[in-house]
Amino acid sequence: MNIRSINGGYLHNPPHPQVISHCLLLQEDGHSALIDTGIGLLDIRQGRIAPDIARARGFQFVEANTVAAQLAAGEPAVNPDHLILTHADPDHAGGVSDFPGAVVHMSTEEYKALASGHYRYIPAQFSDDVRWELYSEGTDTWFGLEARRLRLPFASAVFLIPLFGHTEGHCGVAIETDEGWILQAGDAIFLEAELLTNDHPVSALSAGAATDNKRRLRSLDVLRRLHREQPHIRILTYHDPTGWKLP
C-alpha cells in the first residue's frame, strides 16, 4: 500500500486561520482509491456552491489546488477507481464529479442523510449515475470499535469506522500499512489539539458544525482513548494545516 497526502483545497474564513482539505490517495497492485475529494473543478467552473455558503465557510476556488488537477499533472497521471467519503459535506465531496465512473464508498447512514435533502449537502455535487457502494453495520471490529470493511481491490484492509455526530453517518477511515494503522478521522476532529484538550477555541466551531453534538462528543472520546491507548495508530485530521503530510 502506497499512501499519498494531497491538499484538495483551502478554506479561510477570518478571523479563523486558513485550513486545508487533507485527502489521501491509496495505491496498491495497480488500483487506486481516494479518501475524500476536496473542492471540485465544477464547484469552481459552475458555481455549484452558493456564494453565501462559500463566503461563510471560506472556500478558496483555485483550479490548480483541486485533487483532479494535481493528479492529472502527475507523472504518471492518476484517475482513481474508487472514492471513499468520510461524509458528504461539500468540501469533502466536491471532487466526486471529477472522477466519473469511480465507485463511491460511504456509510448507509450518511447516504440516507444526503438523500433526505438535508440542508448541509449540495445535491448538484452528485450526478444521478454515481455508482454507490454503501455500508451498514457489520460484524468486523477494529481495536474494539465497530468496523465496516470496504470492498476494494486491495490486499490491505481498509475500514469505515463510525464516528457519528459531525454528520448523521460520519465515519473515519482506517488503513492497514506495513508500518501500522492510519486513521483518517475526517471532521470528527478539526485540529489535532482536540485530542488533548477541551479548552481549544476550535471546540466551539466543532460543536456548531455538528448535526448531533452529543454523538460528536462520544466520537471525540473514542478518538482520545485511541490516542492514549494505541499510540502506534496515526490519527489524521482533514483540516489541520500543521504537520499534515505523510512521509
C-alpha atoms as a PDB file:
ATOM      1  CA  MET A   1       0.000   0.000   0.000  1.00  0.00           C
ATOM      2  CA  ASN A   2       1.357   3.379  -1.034  1.00  0.00           C
ATOM      3  CA  ILE A   3      -0.360   6.374   0.570  1.00  0.00           C
ATOM      4  CA  ARG A   4      -0.007   9.944  -0.637  1.00  0.00           C
ATOM      5  CA  SER A   5      -1.250  13.092   1.100  1.00  0.00           C
ATOM      6  CA  ILE A   6      -2.951  15.636  -1.154  1.00  0.00           C
ATOM      7  CA  ASN A   7      -4.305  19.029  -0.113  1.00  0.00           C
ATOM      8  CA  GLY A   8      -7.541  19.257  -2.062  1.00  0.00           C
ATOM      9  CA  GLY A   9      -8.171  22.939  -1.408  1.00  0.00           C
ATOM     10  CA  TYR A  10      -8.028  25.723   1.146  1.00  0.00           C
ATOM     11  CA  LEU A  11     -10.772  27.222   3.289  1.00  0.00           C
ATOM     12  CA  HIS A  12     -10.250  30.551   5.026  1.00  0.00           C
ATOM     13  CA  ASN A  13     -12.861  32.450   6.983  1.00  0.00           C
ATOM     14  CA  PRO A  14     -11.151  35.222   9.013  1.00  0.00           C
ATOM     15  CA  PRO A  15     -10.557  35.586  11.904  1.00  0.00           C
ATOM     16  CA  HIS A  16     -10.195  31.803  11.833  1.00  0.00           C
ATOM     17  CA  PRO A  17      -6.893  30.542  10.387  1.00  0.00           C
ATOM     18  CA  GLN A  18      -6.637  29.080   6.907  1.00  0.00           C
ATOM     19  CA  VAL A  19      -7.227  25.321   6.832  1.00  0.00           C
ATOM     20  CA  ILE A  20      -6.641  22.571   4.288  1.00  0.00           C
ATOM     21  CA  SER A  21      -8.521  19.613   2.800  1.00  0.00           C
ATOM     22  CA  HIS A  22      -6.344  16.586   3.573  1.00  0.00           C
ATOM     23  CA  CYS A  23      -7.241  13.901   1.048  1.00  0.00           C
ATOM     24  CA  LEU A  24      -5.405  10.566   0.869  1.00  0.00           C
ATOM     25  CA  LEU A  25      -4.592   8.639  -2.306  1.00  0.00           C
ATOM     26  CA  LEU A  26      -4.221   4.892  -1.738  1.00  0.00           C
ATOM     27  CA  GLN A  27      -2.454   2.829  -4.398  1.00  0.00           C
ATOM     28  CA  GLU A  28      -1.889  -0.917  -4.420  1.00  0.00           C
ATOM     29  CA  ASP A  29      -1.499  -3.522  -7.176  1.00  0.00           C
ATOM     30  CA  GLY A  30      -2.412  -1.120  -9.967  1.00  0.00           C
ATOM     31  CA  HIS A  31      -5.587   0.118  -8.269  1.00  0.00           C
ATOM     32  CA  SER A  32      -6.234   3.429  -6.535  1.00  0.00           C
ATOM     33  CA  ALA A  33      -8.710   4.904  -4.078  1.00  0.00           C
ATOM     34  CA  LEU A  34      -9.105   8.493  -2.919  1.00  0.00           C
ATOM     35  CA  ILE A  35     -10.269   9.273   0.613  1.00  0.00           C
ATOM     36  CA  ASP A  36     -12.359  12.445   0.403  1.00  0.00           C
ATOM     37  CA  THR A  37     -12.171  14.571  -2.711  1.00  0.00           C
ATOM     38  CA  GLY A  38     -11.800  18.214  -1.678  1.00  0.00           C
ATOM     39  CA  ILE A  39     -13.156  21.157  -3.663  1.00  0.00           C
ATOM     40  CA  GLY A  40     -14.247  20.080  -7.140  1.00  0.00           C
ATOM     41  CA  LEU A  41     -13.498  21.527 -10.549  1.00  0.00           C
ATOM     42  CA  LEU A  42     -17.205  22.034 -11.189  1.00  0.00           C
ATOM     43  CA  ASP A  43     -17.597  23.842  -7.871  1.00  0.00           C
ATOM     44  CA  ILE A  44     -15.263  26.428  -9.391  1.00  0.00           C
ATOM     45  CA  ARG A  45     -16.406  26.396 -13.015  1.00  0.00           C
ATOM     46  CA  GLN A  46     -20.165  26.134 -12.452  1.00  0.00           C
ATOM     47  CA  GLY A  47     -20.571  27.861  -9.095  1.00  0.00           C
ATOM     48  CA  ARG A  48     -22.316  24.888  -7.508  1.00  0.00           C
ATOM     49  CA  ILE A  49     -21.686  26.256  -4.011  1.00  0.00           C
ATOM     50  CA  ALA A  50     -23.906  29.246  -3.292  1.00  0.00           C
ATOM     51  CA  PRO A  51     -21.932  32.471  -2.734  1.00  0.00           C
ATOM     52  CA  ASP A  52     -23.236  32.937   0.810  1.00  0.00           C
ATOM     53  CA  ILE A  53     -22.159  29.416   1.765  1.00  0.00           C
ATOM     54  CA  ALA A  54     -18.791  29.834   0.041  1.00  0.00           C
ATOM     55  CA  ARG A  55     -18.155  33.078   1.953  1.00  0.00           C
ATOM     56  CA  ALA A  56     -19.324  31.671   5.284  1.00  0.00           C
ATOM     57  CA  ARG A  57     -17.057  28.643   5.009  1.00  0.00           C
ATOM     58  CA  GLY A  58     -14.207  30.415   3.292  1.00  0.00           C
ATOM     59  CA  PHE A  59     -13.908  28.291   0.149  1.00  0.00           C
ATOM     60  CA  GLN A  60     -10.847  29.277  -1.889  1.00  0.00           C
ATOM     61  CA  PHE A  61     -11.631  28.494  -5.540  1.00  0.00           C
ATOM     62  CA  VAL A  62      -8.329  27.753  -7.315  1.00  0.00           C
ATOM     63  CA  GLU A  63      -8.426  25.087 -10.035  1.00  0.00           C
ATOM     64  CA  ALA A  64      -4.772  24.145  -9.622  1.00  0.00           C
ATOM     65  CA  ASN A  65      -5.470  23.222  -5.991  1.00  0.00           C
ATOM     66  CA  THR A  66      -8.115  20.630  -6.827  1.00  0.00           C
ATOM     67  CA  VAL A  67      -7.216  16.965  -6.470  1.00  0.00           C
ATOM     68  CA  ALA A  68      -8.218  16.332 -10.092  1.00  0.00           C
ATOM     69  CA  ALA A  69      -5.791  18.970 -11.387  1.00  0.00           C
ATOM     70  CA  GLN A  70      -2.964  17.664  -9.219  1.00  0.00           C
ATOM     71  CA  LEU A  71      -3.488  14.032 -10.215  1.00  0.00           C
ATOM     72  CA  ALA A  72      -3.774  14.936 -13.896  1.00  0.00           C
ATOM     73  CA  ALA A  73      -0.474  16.830 -13.721  1.00  0.00           C
ATOM     74  CA  GLY A  74       1.407  13.971 -12.091  1.00  0.00           C
ATOM     75  CA  GLU A  75       3.845  11.580 -13.719  1.00  0.00           C
ATOM     76  CA  PRO A  76       2.089   9.311 -14.361  1.00  0.00           C
ATOM     77  CA  ALA A  77      -1.390  10.834 -14.168  1.00  0.00           C
ATOM     78  CA  VAL A  78      -3.776   9.021 -11.801  1.00  0.00           C
ATOM     79  CA  ASN A  79      -7.516   8.507 -12.179  1.00  0.00           C
ATOM     80  CA  PRO A  80      -8.849   6.806  -9.021  1.00  0.00           C
ATOM     81  CA  ASP A  81     -11.054   3.729  -9.405  1.00  0.00           C
ATOM     82  CA  HIS A  82     -12.666   4.280  -6.012  1.00  0.00           C
ATOM     83  CA  LEU A  83     -13.693   7.274  -3.890  1.00  0.00           C
ATOM     84  CA  ILE A  84     -14.182   6.902  -0.133  1.00  0.00           C
ATOM     85  CA  LEU A  85     -16.159   9.620   1.635  1.00  0.00           C
ATOM     86  CA  THR A  86     -15.946  10.194   5.369  1.00  0.00           C
ATOM     87  CA  HIS A  87     -19.139  12.183   4.837  1.00  0.00           C
ATOM     88  CA  ALA A  88     -20.879  14.223   2.148  1.00  0.00           C
ATOM     89  CA  ASP A  89     -20.196  17.829   3.175  1.00  0.00           C
ATOM     90  CA  PRO A  90     -19.323  19.980   0.132  1.00  0.00           C
ATOM     91  CA  ASP A  91     -15.642  20.445   0.986  1.00  0.00           C
ATOM     92  CA  HIS A  92     -15.246  16.649   1.127  1.00  0.00           C
ATOM     93  CA  ALA A  93     -17.431  15.612  -1.804  1.00  0.00           C
ATOM     94  CA  GLY A  94     -16.844  18.353  -4.379  1.00  0.00           C
ATOM     95  CA  GLY A  95     -14.426  16.257  -6.403  1.00  0.00           C
ATOM     96  CA  VAL A  96     -16.753  13.251  -6.825  1.00  0.00           C
ATOM     97  CA  SER A  97     -17.871  14.540 -10.224  1.00  0.00           C
ATOM     98  CA  ASP A  98     -14.246  14.966 -11.326  1.00  0.00           C
ATOM     99  CA  PHE A  99     -13.841  11.181 -11.440  1.00  0.00           C
ATOM    100  CA  PRO A 100     -16.848   9.835 -13.383  1.00  0.00           C
ATOM    101  CA  GLY A 101     -17.135   6.085 -13.261  1.00  0.00           C
ATOM    102  CA  ALA A 102     -15.390   5.741  -9.923  1.00  0.00           C
ATOM    103  CA  VAL A 103     -17.222   3.732  -7.272  1.00  0.00           C
ATOM    104  CA  VAL A 104     -18.180   5.929  -4.286  1.00  0.00           C
ATOM    105  CA  HIS A 105     -17.992   4.221  -0.872  1.00  0.00           C
ATOM    106  CA  MET A 106     -19.892   5.674   2.086  1.00  0.00           C
ATOM    107  CA  SER A 107     -21.892   4.649   5.143  1.00  0.00           C
ATOM    108  CA  THR A 108     -25.569   3.868   4.646  1.00  0.00           C
ATOM    109  CA  GLU A 109     -26.458   6.394   7.356  1.00  0.00           C
ATOM    110  CA  GLU A 110     -24.674   9.203   5.534  1.00  0.00           C
ATOM    111  CA  TYR A 111     -26.252   8.272   2.214  1.00  0.00           C
ATOM    112  CA  LYS A 112     -29.728   8.407   3.793  1.00  0.00           C
ATOM    113  CA  ALA A 113     -28.992  11.867   5.205  1.00  0.00           C
ATOM    114  CA  LEU A 114     -27.768  13.015   1.798  1.00  0.00           C
ATOM    115  CA  ALA A 115     -30.791  11.535   0.008  1.00  0.00           C
ATOM    116  CA  SER A 116     -33.155  13.184   2.506  1.00  0.00           C
ATOM    117  CA  GLY A 117     -32.185  16.623   1.225  1.00  0.00           C
ATOM    118  CA  HIS A 118     -30.526  17.792   4.428  1.00  0.00           C
ATOM    119  CA  TYR A 119     -29.571  21.455   4.098  1.00  0.00           C
ATOM    120  CA  ARG A 120     -25.858  20.934   4.682  1.00  0.00           C
ATOM    121  CA  TYR A 121     -25.346  18.952   1.461  1.00  0.00           C
ATOM    122  CA  ILE A 122     -25.228  20.141  -2.161  1.00  0.00           C
ATOM    123  CA  PRO A 123     -27.099  17.652  -4.395  1.00  0.00           C
ATOM    124  CA  ALA A 124     -25.541  19.119  -7.560  1.00  0.00           C
ATOM    125  CA  GLN A 125     -22.207  17.623  -6.491  1.00  0.00           C
ATOM    126  CA  PHE A 126     -23.634  14.137  -7.077  1.00  0.00           C
ATOM    127  CA  SER A 127     -24.826  13.101 -10.527  1.00  0.00           C
ATOM    128  CA  ASP A 128     -27.692  10.646 -10.960  1.00  0.00           C
ATOM    129  CA  ASP A 129     -25.324   7.961 -12.245  1.00  0.00           C
ATOM    130  CA  VAL A 130     -22.986   7.837  -9.235  1.00  0.00           C
ATOM    131  CA  ARG A 131     -22.022   4.219  -8.555  1.00  0.00           C
ATOM    132  CA  TRP A 132     -22.654   3.925  -4.819  1.00  0.00           C
ATOM    133  CA  GLU A 133     -21.227   1.220  -2.569  1.00  0.00           C
ATOM    134  CA  LEU A 134     -22.896   1.562   0.825  1.00  0.00           C
ATOM    135  CA  TYR A 135     -22.008   0.004   4.153  1.00  0.00           C
ATOM    136  CA  SER A 136     -24.267  -0.792   7.081  1.00  0.00           C
ATOM    137  CA  GLU A 137     -23.358  -2.123  10.500  1.00  0.00           C
ATOM    138  CA  GLY A 138     -21.395  -5.348  10.236  1.00  0.00           C
ATOM    139  CA  THR A 139     -19.590  -7.885  12.392  1.00  0.00           C
ATOM    140  CA  ASP A 140     -15.990  -6.674  11.997  1.00  0.00           C
ATOM    141  CA  THR A 141     -14.203  -4.838  14.798  1.00  0.00           C
ATOM    142  CA  TRP A 142     -11.085  -2.670  14.892  1.00  0.00           C
ATOM    143  CA  PHE A 143      -9.399  -2.109  18.269  1.00  0.00           C
ATOM    144  CA  GLY A 144     -12.757  -2.779  19.905  1.00  0.00           C
ATOM    145  CA  LEU A 145     -14.712  -0.445  17.611  1.00  0.00           C
ATOM    146  CA  GLU A 146     -17.329  -1.254  15.010  1.00  0.00           C
ATOM    147  CA  ALA A 147     -15.626  -1.534  11.618  1.00  0.00           C
ATOM    148  CA  ARG A 148     -17.047  -1.890   8.123  1.00  0.00           C
ATOM    149  CA  ARG A 149     -14.526  -3.390   5.712  1.00  0.00           C
ATOM    150  CA  LEU A 150     -14.564  -1.660   2.344  1.00  0.00           C
ATOM    151  CA  ARG A 151     -14.963  -3.758  -0.773  1.00  0.00           C
ATOM    152  CA  LEU A 152     -11.774  -2.623  -2.514  1.00  0.00           C
ATOM    153  CA  PRO A 153      -9.309  -4.444  -4.808  1.00  0.00           C
ATOM    154  CA  PHE A 154      -6.583  -4.249  -2.162  1.00  0.00           C
ATOM    155  CA  ALA A 155      -4.940  -6.959  -0.075  1.00  0.00           C
ATOM    156  CA  SER A 156      -4.535  -4.368   2.696  1.00  0.00           C
ATOM    157  CA  ALA A 157      -7.596  -3.837   4.860  1.00  0.00           C
ATOM    158  CA  VAL A 158      -9.473  -0.518   4.754  1.00  0.00           C
ATOM    159  CA  PHE A 159     -12.378   0.044   7.151  1.00  0.00           C
ATOM    160  CA  LEU A 160     -15.048   2.653   7.730  1.00  0.00           C
ATOM    161  CA  ILE A 161     -15.064   3.394  11.476  1.00  0.00           C
ATOM    162  CA  PRO A 162     -18.338   5.029  12.612  1.00  0.00           C
ATOM    163  CA  LEU A 163     -17.589   8.367  14.267  1.00  0.00           C
ATOM    164  CA  PHE A 164     -21.075   9.817  14.113  1.00  0.00           C
ATOM    165  CA  GLY A 165     -22.091  13.281  15.238  1.00  0.00           C
ATOM    166  CA  HIS A 166     -20.459  15.765  12.879  1.00  0.00           C
ATOM    167  CA  THR A 167     -22.979  14.376  10.417  1.00  0.00           C
ATOM    168  CA  GLU A 168     -25.525  11.588  10.681  1.00  0.00           C
ATOM    169  CA  GLY A 169     -23.241   8.956   9.162  1.00  0.00           C
ATOM    170  CA  HIS A 170     -19.743  10.426   9.507  1.00  0.00           C
ATOM    171  CA  CYS A 171     -17.012   7.772   9.544  1.00  0.00           C
ATOM    172  CA  GLY A 172     -13.274   7.704   9.875  1.00  0.00           C
ATOM    173  CA  VAL A 173     -11.234   5.543   7.522  1.00  0.00           C
ATOM    174  CA  ALA A 174      -8.710   3.064   8.966  1.00  0.00           C
ATOM    175  CA  ILE A 175      -5.933   1.937   6.618  1.00  0.00           C
ATOM    176  CA  GLU A 176      -3.627  -1.011   7.149  1.00  0.00           C
ATOM    177  CA  THR A 177       0.018  -0.344   6.225  1.00  0.00           C
ATOM    178  CA  ASP A 178       3.303  -2.183   6.700  1.00  0.00           C
ATOM    179  CA  GLU A 179       4.225   0.362   9.374  1.00  0.00           C
ATOM    180  CA  GLY A 180       0.923   0.082  11.257  1.00  0.00           C
ATOM    181  CA  TRP A 181      -2.526   1.642  11.092  1.00  0.00           C
ATOM    182  CA  ILE A 182      -3.519   5.114   9.934  1.00  0.00           C
ATOM    183  CA  LEU A 183      -6.915   6.570  10.827  1.00  0.00           C
ATOM    184  CA  GLN A 184      -8.174   9.479   8.751  1.00  0.00           C
ATOM    185  CA  ALA A 185     -10.639  10.878  11.283  1.00  0.00           C
ATOM    186  CA  GLY A 186     -12.245  13.300   8.840  1.00  0.00           C
ATOM    187  CA  ASP A 187     -14.122  16.035  10.672  1.00  0.00           C
ATOM    188  CA  ALA A 188     -14.557  14.089  13.914  1.00  0.00           C
ATOM    189  CA  ILE A 189     -11.783  16.465  14.977  1.00  0.00           C
ATOM    190  CA  PHE A 190     -10.916  19.697  13.199  1.00  0.00           C
ATOM    191  CA  LEU A 191      -7.454  20.105  14.759  1.00  0.00           C
ATOM    192  CA  GLU A 192      -5.179  17.570  16.455  1.00  0.00           C
ATOM    193  CA  ALA A 193      -5.279  19.753  19.576  1.00  0.00           C
ATOM    194  CA  GLU A 194      -8.801  18.434  20.217  1.00  0.00           C
ATOM    195  CA  LEU A 195      -7.273  15.068  21.102  1.00  0.00           C
ATOM    196  CA  LEU A 196      -5.652  16.672  24.127  1.00  0.00           C
ATOM    197  CA  THR A 197      -7.903  19.436  25.458  1.00  0.00           C
ATOM    198  CA  ASN A 198     -11.461  20.727  25.702  1.00  0.00           C
ATOM    199  CA  ASP A 199     -10.237  24.302  26.015  1.00  0.00           C
ATOM    200  CA  HIS A 200      -9.082  24.950  22.459  1.00  0.00           C
ATOM    201  CA  PRO A 201     -11.147  27.651  20.661  1.00  0.00           C
ATOM    202  CA  VAL A 202     -11.843  25.249  17.788  1.00  0.00           C
ATOM    203  CA  SER A 203     -14.069  23.188  20.099  1.00  0.00           C
ATOM    204  CA  ALA A 204     -16.867  25.724  19.742  1.00  0.00           C
ATOM    205  CA  LEU A 205     -16.544  25.584  15.959  1.00  0.00           C
ATOM    206  CA  SER A 206     -16.675  21.777  16.029  1.00  0.00           C
ATOM    207  CA  ALA A 207     -19.789  21.855  18.192  1.00  0.00           C
ATOM    208  CA  GLY A 208     -21.530  24.380  15.965  1.00  0.00           C
ATOM    209  CA  ALA A 209     -20.832  22.336  12.835  1.00  0.00           C
ATOM    210  CA  ALA A 210     -22.206  19.104  14.286  1.00  0.00           C
ATOM    211  CA  THR A 211     -25.559  17.615  13.349  1.00  0.00           C
ATOM    212  CA  ASP A 212     -25.646  15.958  16.795  1.00  0.00           C
ATOM    213  CA  ASN A 213     -23.120  17.372  19.240  1.00  0.00           C
ATOM    214  CA  LYS A 214     -23.705  14.716  21.913  1.00  0.00           C
ATOM    215  CA  ARG A 215     -22.779  11.997  19.439  1.00  0.00           C
ATOM    216  CA  ARG A 216     -19.840  14.103  18.234  1.00  0.00           C
ATOM    217  CA  LEU A 217     -18.523  14.255  21.792  1.00  0.00           C
ATOM    218  CA  ARG A 218     -18.858  10.485  22.144  1.00  0.00           C
ATOM    219  CA  SER A 219     -16.865  10.055  18.931  1.00  0.00           C
ATOM    220  CA  LEU A 220     -14.274  12.504  20.244  1.00  0.00           C
ATOM    221  CA  ASP A 221     -13.950  10.402  23.403  1.00  0.00           C
ATOM    222  CA  VAL A 222     -13.330   7.343  21.215  1.00  0.00           C
ATOM    223  CA  LEU A 223     -10.523   9.132  19.383  1.00  0.00           C
ATOM    224  CA  ARG A 224      -8.965  10.354  22.612  1.00  0.00           C
ATOM    225  CA  ARG A 225      -8.997   6.822  24.015  1.00  0.00           C
ATOM    226  CA  LEU A 226      -7.317   5.504  20.871  1.00  0.00           C
ATOM    227  CA  HIS A 227      -4.729   8.274  21.111  1.00  0.00           C
ATOM    228  CA  ARG A 228      -3.951   7.318  24.729  1.00  0.00           C
ATOM    229  CA  GLU A 229      -4.104   3.536  24.496  1.00  0.00           C
ATOM    230  CA  GLN A 230      -2.937   2.875  20.929  1.00  0.00           C
ATOM    231  CA  PRO A 231      -0.191   5.446  20.316  1.00  0.00           C
ATOM    232  CA  HIS A 232       1.071   3.466  17.330  1.00  0.00           C
ATOM    233  CA  ILE A 233      -2.085   4.436  15.374  1.00  0.00           C
ATOM    234  CA  ARG A 234      -1.516   7.648  13.460  1.00  0.00           C
ATOM    235  CA  ILE A 235      -4.681   9.754  13.686  1.00  0.00           C
ATOM    236  CA  LEU A 236      -5.059  12.303  10.898  1.00  0.00           C
ATOM    237  CA  THR A 237      -7.470  15.192  10.562  1.00  0.00           C
ATOM    238  CA  TYR A 238      -8.892  16.663   7.367  1.00  0.00           C
ATOM    239  CA  HIS A 239      -8.431  20.359   8.097  1.00  0.00           C
ATOM    240  CA  ASP A 240      -5.391  20.781  10.361  1.00  0.00           C
ATOM    241  CA  PRO A 241      -2.668  22.600   8.342  1.00  0.00           C
ATOM    242  CA  THR A 242       0.165  21.717  10.753  1.00  0.00           C
ATOM    243  CA  GLY A 243       2.190  18.559  10.263  1.00  0.00           C
ATOM    244  CA  TRP A 244      -0.419  17.066   7.976  1.00  0.00           C
ATOM    245  CA  LYS A 245       1.648  15.400   5.269  1.00  0.00           C
ATOM    246  CA  LEU A 246       2.517  11.734   5.467  1.00  0.00           C
ATOM    247  CA  PRO A 247       6.182  10.956   4.703  1.00  0.00           C
END
